[in-house]
């Protein structure tokens, strides 16, 4: 849980409005772009991607915007754009073809990717339902089962434990057969820039985990798709104390059970992904990401769309009870 951290950073910026054709309009509407990184240890960019319009350049290049149009939109001289492209190439964020090597999705692309995840999500939803008797049995081994029935924990267990935080390392290593994440200027990490028109809710309603240690014996987490409303207030000690008082408690013995739950489902999930691998690679090509990023980079981010669709499917079918505010707040007591 501590080893795999996904850090979400939000910014409000103006970006060129553009599309994949030459009829793009450059009226500079306000877009909210959400930056995400998947990394371990000291594997982070050694530069600020928000400075010098770098994220705007990346998004414009992703949209196949001609260099001339970018220069006109920013009122730049050619050398200014050339310098920044060379800088990003040196950092491993732009390839020799002048296209980004990180995952980028604007609103229409994200909506289409969420829609495209439906066939895979159906298979995964069915396999989760098939293993529910085992999950119920393991739930009874949790300390929390003495205080609350499964419904209150269904969202955390079936989405976070079976599909996300407790499972994503398995997906990365066994489905992608990935030993190391993409190497960018001597650092290994995945990175994405995604438009977020649903702010302050997470982009496309994607569920994810925010996790922090308070001290050696206490940590807390927020799993959901509306985390920003909470994380924005965490510097307020009074708010944090109130949050900890209301948070559900997870003990060390519970974590072992959660890991067993994830392990029991891992092979079924892997089977569903392998069954759909041709389709996954087709989407990779159809959305033209094969011209920009590696398959691993594409899939690890699209997987977040997939398990979000699964979570919502299971909610619609009464298997998962979603929190009213979209968040499950918990604390781990050692």
Protein backbone atom coordinates (compact mmCIF):
# COMPACT_ATOMS: atom_id res chain seq x y z
CA UNK A 1 0.00 0.00 0.00
CA UNK A 2 2.84 2.36 0.88
CA UNK A 3 4.96 1.28 -2.08
CA UNK A 4 2.51 2.25 -4.79
CA UNK A 5 1.54 5.91 -4.70
CA UNK A 6 -0.32 7.84 -7.33
CA UNK A 7 0.03 11.56 -6.85
CA UNK A 8 -2.60 13.83 -8.33
CA UNK A 9 -1.82 17.49 -8.95
CA UNK A 10 -4.48 19.94 -10.16
CA UNK A 11 -3.89 23.15 -12.09
CA UNK A 12 -6.09 25.70 -13.81
CA UNK A 13 -4.55 26.97 -17.02
CA UNK A 14 -5.41 28.38 -20.43
CA UNK A 15 -4.68 26.08 -23.33
CA UNK A 16 -5.05 26.25 -27.08
CA UNK A 17 -8.32 24.78 -28.28
CA UNK A 18 -7.37 22.34 -30.99
CA UNK A 19 -8.41 19.14 -32.72
CA UNK A 20 -6.85 16.63 -35.08
CA UNK A 21 -7.85 18.60 -38.16
CA UNK A 22 -6.70 21.89 -39.67
CA UNK A 23 -9.92 23.69 -38.81
CA UNK A 24 -9.00 24.02 -35.14
CA UNK A 25 -9.99 27.21 -33.33
CA UNK A 26 -7.43 29.09 -31.21
CA UNK A 27 -9.65 31.05 -28.86
CA UNK A 28 -7.83 29.99 -25.68
CA UNK A 29 -10.74 28.69 -23.56
CA UNK A 30 -9.95 27.72 -19.96
CA UNK A 31 -9.21 24.04 -19.62
CA UNK A 32 -8.43 22.29 -16.37
CA UNK A 33 -5.64 19.81 -16.82
CA UNK A 34 -4.97 17.11 -14.25
CA UNK A 35 -1.42 15.77 -14.00
CA UNK A 36 -0.84 12.26 -12.62
CA UNK A 37 2.27 10.23 -11.96
CA UNK A 38 2.83 6.59 -11.06
CA UNK A 39 6.23 6.13 -9.49
CA UNK A 40 8.24 4.65 -6.65
CA UNK A 41 11.02 6.17 -4.64
CA UNK A 42 12.95 9.02 -6.23
CA UNK A 43 11.52 8.51 -9.72
CA UNK A 44 10.02 11.90 -10.49
CA UNK A 45 10.53 14.51 -13.22
CA UNK A 46 13.44 16.82 -12.41
CA UNK A 47 11.64 19.82 -13.92
CA UNK A 48 8.36 21.68 -13.49
CA UNK A 49 5.96 20.63 -16.27
CA UNK A 50 3.69 23.58 -15.47
CA UNK A 51 6.29 26.22 -16.32
CA UNK A 52 7.01 27.81 -19.69
CA UNK A 53 3.76 26.50 -21.22
CA UNK A 54 5.27 23.01 -21.46
CA UNK A 55 1.97 21.20 -20.83
CA UNK A 56 0.31 23.39 -23.43
CA UNK A 57 2.94 22.48 -26.01
CA UNK A 58 2.56 18.78 -25.19
CA UNK A 59 -1.22 18.93 -25.52
CA UNK A 60 -1.04 20.86 -28.79
CA UNK A 61 1.45 18.38 -30.26
CA UNK A 62 -0.75 15.50 -29.14
CA UNK A 63 -3.56 17.13 -31.12
CA UNK A 64 -1.27 17.29 -34.18
CA UNK A 65 -1.35 21.09 -34.15
CA UNK A 66 1.10 22.48 -36.76
CA UNK A 67 4.09 24.31 -35.29
CA UNK A 68 3.09 27.44 -37.17
CA UNK A 69 -0.30 27.47 -35.45
CA UNK A 70 1.33 27.03 -32.02
CA UNK A 71 3.66 29.95 -32.72
CA UNK A 72 0.74 32.13 -33.76
CA UNK A 73 -1.34 31.15 -30.73
CA UNK A 74 1.45 32.03 -28.29
CA UNK A 75 2.86 34.87 -30.37
CA UNK A 76 6.31 33.25 -30.19
CA UNK A 77 9.32 33.40 -32.44
CA UNK A 78 10.28 29.98 -33.87
CA UNK A 79 13.37 29.56 -31.69
CA UNK A 80 11.27 29.75 -28.53
CA UNK A 81 9.16 26.74 -29.51
CA UNK A 82 12.21 24.86 -30.82
CA UNK A 83 14.04 25.35 -27.52
CA UNK A 84 11.15 24.01 -25.48
CA UNK A 85 10.61 21.01 -27.74
CA UNK A 86 14.33 20.16 -27.49
CA UNK A 87 14.11 20.55 -23.72
CA UNK A 88 11.19 18.12 -23.53
CA UNK A 89 12.96 15.71 -25.86
CA UNK A 90 15.93 15.77 -23.49
CA UNK A 91 13.62 14.89 -20.61
CA UNK A 92 12.09 12.00 -22.57
CA UNK A 93 8.67 13.64 -22.88
CA UNK A 94 8.73 14.18 -26.66
CA UNK A 95 9.98 11.72 -29.26
CA UNK A 96 11.94 12.32 -32.43
CA UNK A 97 8.63 12.60 -34.29
CA UNK A 98 7.74 15.66 -32.18
CA UNK A 99 4.88 13.79 -30.50
CA UNK A 100 4.50 13.35 -26.73
CA UNK A 101 5.71 10.13 -25.07
CA UNK A 102 3.45 10.59 -22.03
CA UNK A 103 -0.27 9.79 -21.94
CA UNK A 104 -2.45 12.75 -22.89
CA UNK A 105 -6.24 12.76 -23.24
CA UNK A 106 -8.60 15.66 -23.77
CA UNK A 107 -12.27 15.49 -22.86
CA UNK A 108 -13.60 13.87 -26.04
CA UNK A 109 -10.82 11.26 -25.96
CA UNK A 110 -11.39 10.42 -22.31
CA UNK A 111 -15.12 10.01 -22.84
CA UNK A 112 -14.44 7.74 -25.81
CA UNK A 113 -11.92 5.68 -23.83
CA UNK A 114 -14.42 5.25 -21.01
CA UNK A 115 -17.03 4.07 -23.52
CA UNK A 116 -14.52 1.74 -25.18
CA UNK A 117 -13.81 0.05 -21.83
CA UNK A 118 -17.33 -1.40 -21.63
CA UNK A 119 -16.66 -4.88 -23.16
CA UNK A 120 -13.70 -5.51 -20.84
CA UNK A 121 -15.59 -4.11 -17.87
CA UNK A 122 -18.44 -6.54 -18.51
CA UNK A 123 -16.07 -9.52 -18.35
CA UNK A 124 -14.37 -8.24 -15.19
CA UNK A 125 -17.72 -7.47 -13.52
CA UNK A 126 -18.86 -11.03 -14.21
CA UNK A 127 -15.68 -12.59 -12.82
CA UNK A 128 -15.91 -10.48 -9.66
CA UNK A 129 -19.50 -11.63 -9.13
CA UNK A 130 -18.33 -15.24 -9.52
CA UNK A 131 -15.86 -14.88 -6.66
CA UNK A 132 -18.18 -13.04 -4.27
CA UNK A 133 -18.80 -16.06 -1.95
CA UNK A 134 -15.05 -16.20 -1.27
CA UNK A 135 -14.90 -12.43 -0.73
CA UNK A 136 -17.81 -12.58 1.74
CA UNK A 137 -16.04 -15.39 3.61
CA UNK A 138 -12.80 -13.43 3.84
CA UNK A 139 -14.68 -10.32 4.91
CA UNK A 140 -15.83 -12.18 8.02
CA UNK A 141 -12.16 -12.51 9.01
CA UNK A 142 -11.73 -8.72 9.13
CA UNK A 143 -11.89 -6.90 12.45
CA UNK A 144 -14.27 -4.42 10.80
CA UNK A 145 -16.81 -7.17 10.08
CA UNK A 146 -17.77 -7.15 13.77
CA UNK A 147 -18.79 -3.49 13.49
CA UNK A 148 -20.27 -3.13 10.00
CA UNK A 149 -21.75 -5.35 7.30
CA UNK A 150 -20.16 -5.86 3.89
CA UNK A 151 -22.19 -3.15 2.14
CA UNK A 152 -20.34 -0.40 3.95
CA UNK A 153 -17.01 -1.78 2.74
CA UNK A 154 -18.08 -3.07 -0.68
CA UNK A 155 -16.76 -0.02 -2.56
CA UNK A 156 -13.35 -0.11 -0.90
CA UNK A 157 -12.96 -3.89 -1.23
CA UNK A 158 -14.31 -4.55 -4.72
CA UNK A 159 -12.86 -1.43 -6.35
CA UNK A 160 -9.71 -0.52 -4.42
CA UNK A 161 -8.62 -3.93 -3.14
CA UNK A 162 -9.62 -6.19 -6.04
CA UNK A 163 -8.85 -3.77 -8.89
CA UNK A 164 -6.76 -0.77 -7.93
CA UNK A 165 -4.32 -0.19 -5.11
CA UNK A 166 -3.84 -3.81 -4.03
CA UNK A 167 -3.90 -5.15 -7.60
CA UNK A 168 -2.25 -2.72 -9.99
CA UNK A 169 1.29 -3.97 -9.35
CA UNK A 170 0.11 -7.46 -10.33
CA UNK A 171 -1.48 -6.10 -13.52
CA UNK A 172 1.70 -4.24 -14.39
CA UNK A 173 4.01 -7.19 -13.79
CA UNK A 174 1.89 -10.08 -15.06
CA UNK A 175 -0.20 -8.60 -17.87
CA UNK A 176 2.28 -6.04 -19.16
CA UNK A 177 5.25 -8.20 -18.08
CA UNK A 178 6.82 -4.92 -17.08
CA UNK A 179 10.07 -5.08 -15.10
CA UNK A 180 10.72 -1.36 -15.21
CA UNK A 181 8.58 1.66 -15.93
CA UNK A 182 9.42 3.94 -18.89
CA UNK A 183 12.87 5.51 -18.56
CA UNK A 184 12.81 9.30 -18.81
CA UNK A 185 16.07 11.11 -18.24
CA UNK A 186 17.37 8.45 -15.84
CA UNK A 187 14.03 8.18 -13.98
CA UNK A 188 11.39 5.45 -14.31
CA UNK A 189 7.77 6.57 -14.11
CA UNK A 190 4.42 6.79 -15.90
CA UNK A 191 2.95 10.25 -16.45
CA UNK A 192 -0.34 11.58 -17.77
CA UNK A 193 -1.99 14.90 -18.56
CA UNK A 194 -5.76 14.67 -18.83
CA UNK A 195 -8.38 17.35 -19.28
CA UNK A 196 -10.78 17.57 -16.37
CA UNK A 197 -14.07 19.30 -17.04
CA UNK A 198 -15.62 17.72 -13.95
CA UNK A 199 -13.41 19.58 -11.44
CA UNK A 200 -13.35 19.31 -8.44
CA UNK A 201 -14.38 15.73 -9.11
CA UNK A 202 -11.61 13.52 -10.54
CA UNK A 203 -11.33 13.34 -14.32
CA UNK A 204 -14.11 11.23 -15.90
CA UNK A 205 -15.08 10.11 -12.41
CA UNK A 206 -11.99 7.90 -12.20
CA UNK A 207 -11.53 6.32 -8.78
CA UNK A 208 -8.16 6.45 -7.11
CA UNK A 209 -6.35 6.38 -3.81
CA UNK A 210 -4.78 9.23 -1.83
CA UNK A 211 -2.57 7.92 0.98
CA UNK A 212 -0.40 9.63 3.59
CA UNK A 213 1.45 8.64 6.78
CA UNK A 214 0.84 10.82 9.83
CA UNK A 215 3.37 9.06 12.04
CA UNK A 216 4.91 5.63 12.60
CA UNK A 217 1.67 4.19 13.93
CA UNK A 218 -1.05 6.01 11.98
CA UNK A 219 -1.74 6.53 8.27
CA UNK A 220 -4.84 7.62 6.41
CA UNK A 221 -6.27 7.27 2.94
CA UNK A 222 -9.08 8.52 0.76
CA UNK A 223 -10.36 6.22 -1.95
CA UNK A 224 -12.85 7.68 -4.40
CA UNK A 225 -13.38 10.15 -7.23
CA UNK A 226 -14.12 13.29 -5.25
CA UNK A 227 -10.93 13.48 -3.20
CA UNK A 228 -10.02 17.07 -4.03
CA UNK A 229 -12.76 18.48 -1.83
CA UNK A 230 -11.03 16.77 1.10
CA UNK A 231 -7.35 17.08 0.19
CA UNK A 232 -7.72 20.84 -0.28
CA UNK A 233 -8.50 21.15 3.44
CA UNK A 234 -5.96 18.72 4.91
CA UNK A 235 -3.58 21.46 6.06
CA UNK A 236 -6.25 22.55 8.51
CA UNK A 237 -5.46 20.53 11.65
CA UNK A 238 -9.00 20.87 13.01
CA UNK A 239 -10.40 19.47 9.74
CA UNK A 240 -7.82 16.66 9.71
CA UNK A 241 -8.62 15.70 13.32
CA UNK A 242 -12.33 15.61 12.49
CA UNK A 243 -11.61 13.50 9.40
CA UNK A 244 -9.59 11.01 11.43
CA UNK A 245 -12.38 10.71 14.00
CA UNK A 246 -14.87 9.82 11.27
CA UNK A 247 -12.56 7.58 9.21
CA UNK A 248 -13.08 3.84 9.19
CA UNK A 249 -10.34 1.92 10.98
CA UNK A 250 -8.14 -0.68 9.31
CA UNK A 251 -5.77 -2.73 11.47
CA UNK A 252 -2.59 -4.55 10.44
CA UNK A 253 -4.39 -7.90 10.51
CA UNK A 254 -6.99 -6.53 8.07
CA UNK A 255 -4.34 -5.62 5.51
CA UNK A 256 -3.27 -9.26 5.34
CA UNK A 257 -6.87 -10.25 4.58
CA UNK A 258 -7.19 -7.54 1.91
CA UNK A 259 -4.05 -8.90 0.25
CA UNK A 260 -5.53 -12.39 0.31
CA UNK A 261 -8.70 -11.07 -1.33
CA UNK A 262 -6.67 -9.45 -4.11
CA UNK A 263 -4.60 -12.61 -4.53
CA UNK A 264 -7.71 -14.75 -4.82
CA UNK A 265 -8.96 -12.58 -7.67
CA UNK A 266 -5.66 -11.88 -9.48
CA UNK A 267 -5.69 -14.81 -11.88
CA UNK A 268 -9.31 -14.22 -12.88
CA UNK A 269 -8.50 -10.60 -13.64
CA UNK A 270 -5.42 -11.62 -15.61
CA UNK A 271 -7.51 -14.08 -17.60
CA UNK A 272 -10.03 -11.35 -18.47
CA UNK A 273 -7.29 -8.98 -19.60
CA UNK A 274 -5.56 -11.63 -21.72
CA UNK A 275 -8.89 -12.62 -23.24
CA UNK A 276 -9.33 -8.99 -24.33
CA UNK A 277 -5.73 -8.24 -25.28
CA UNK A 278 -6.42 -8.07 -29.04
CA UNK A 279 -9.21 -5.60 -28.38
CA UNK A 280 -7.01 -3.57 -26.03
CA UNK A 281 -4.29 -3.33 -28.66
CA UNK A 282 -6.89 -2.38 -31.26
CA UNK A 283 -8.00 0.55 -29.11
CA UNK A 284 -4.35 1.51 -28.67
CA UNK A 285 -4.03 1.75 -32.46
CA UNK A 286 -7.50 3.16 -33.23
CA UNK A 287 -6.93 6.08 -30.86
CA UNK A 288 -3.50 6.64 -32.47
CA UNK A 289 -1.64 6.26 -29.19
CA UNK A 290 0.64 3.78 -30.95
CA UNK A 291 2.14 6.81 -32.73
CA UNK A 292 3.02 8.49 -29.43
CA UNK A 293 3.49 6.24 -26.43
CA UNK A 294 4.37 2.67 -25.54
CA UNK A 295 1.63 0.10 -25.12
CA UNK A 296 2.51 -0.16 -21.42
CA UNK A 297 2.09 3.59 -20.94
CA UNK A 298 -1.26 3.51 -22.73
CA UNK A 299 -2.67 0.52 -20.91
CA UNK A 300 -1.67 1.47 -17.38
CA UNK A 301 -3.66 4.70 -17.71
CA UNK A 302 -6.56 3.14 -19.61
CA UNK A 303 -6.79 0.48 -16.90
CA UNK A 304 -7.94 3.25 -14.56
CA UNK A 305 -10.85 3.94 -16.93
CA UNK A 306 -11.62 0.21 -17.09
CA UNK A 307 -11.82 -0.42 -13.37
CA UNK A 308 -13.87 2.75 -12.94
CA UNK A 309 -16.39 1.36 -15.43
CA UNK A 310 -16.38 -1.97 -13.54
CA UNK A 311 -17.02 -0.17 -10.24
CA UNK A 312 -19.96 1.71 -11.70
CA UNK A 313 -21.32 -1.46 -13.32
CA UNK A 314 -21.27 -3.27 -9.98
CA UNK A 315 -22.92 -0.30 -8.31
CA UNK A 316 -25.74 -0.31 -10.86
CA UNK A 317 -26.24 -4.02 -10.19
CA UNK A 318 -26.40 -3.58 -6.43
CA UNK A 319 -23.12 -5.35 -5.71
CA UNK A 320 -21.29 -2.17 -4.65
CA UNK A 321 -22.70 0.59 -2.48
CA UNK A 322 -21.04 3.85 -3.50
CA UNK A 323 -20.40 6.51 -0.83
CA UNK A 324 -22.76 9.46 -1.27
CA UNK A 325 -19.89 11.93 -1.60
CA UNK A 326 -17.78 9.58 -3.76
CA UNK A 327 -15.13 9.03 -1.08
CA UNK A 328 -14.22 6.25 1.33
CA UNK A 329 -12.02 7.67 4.11
CA UNK A 330 -9.97 5.23 6.20
CA UNK A 331 -7.11 5.15 8.68
CA UNK A 332 -4.57 2.40 9.24
CA UNK A 333 -3.62 1.80 12.84
CA UNK A 334 -0.47 -0.24 13.36
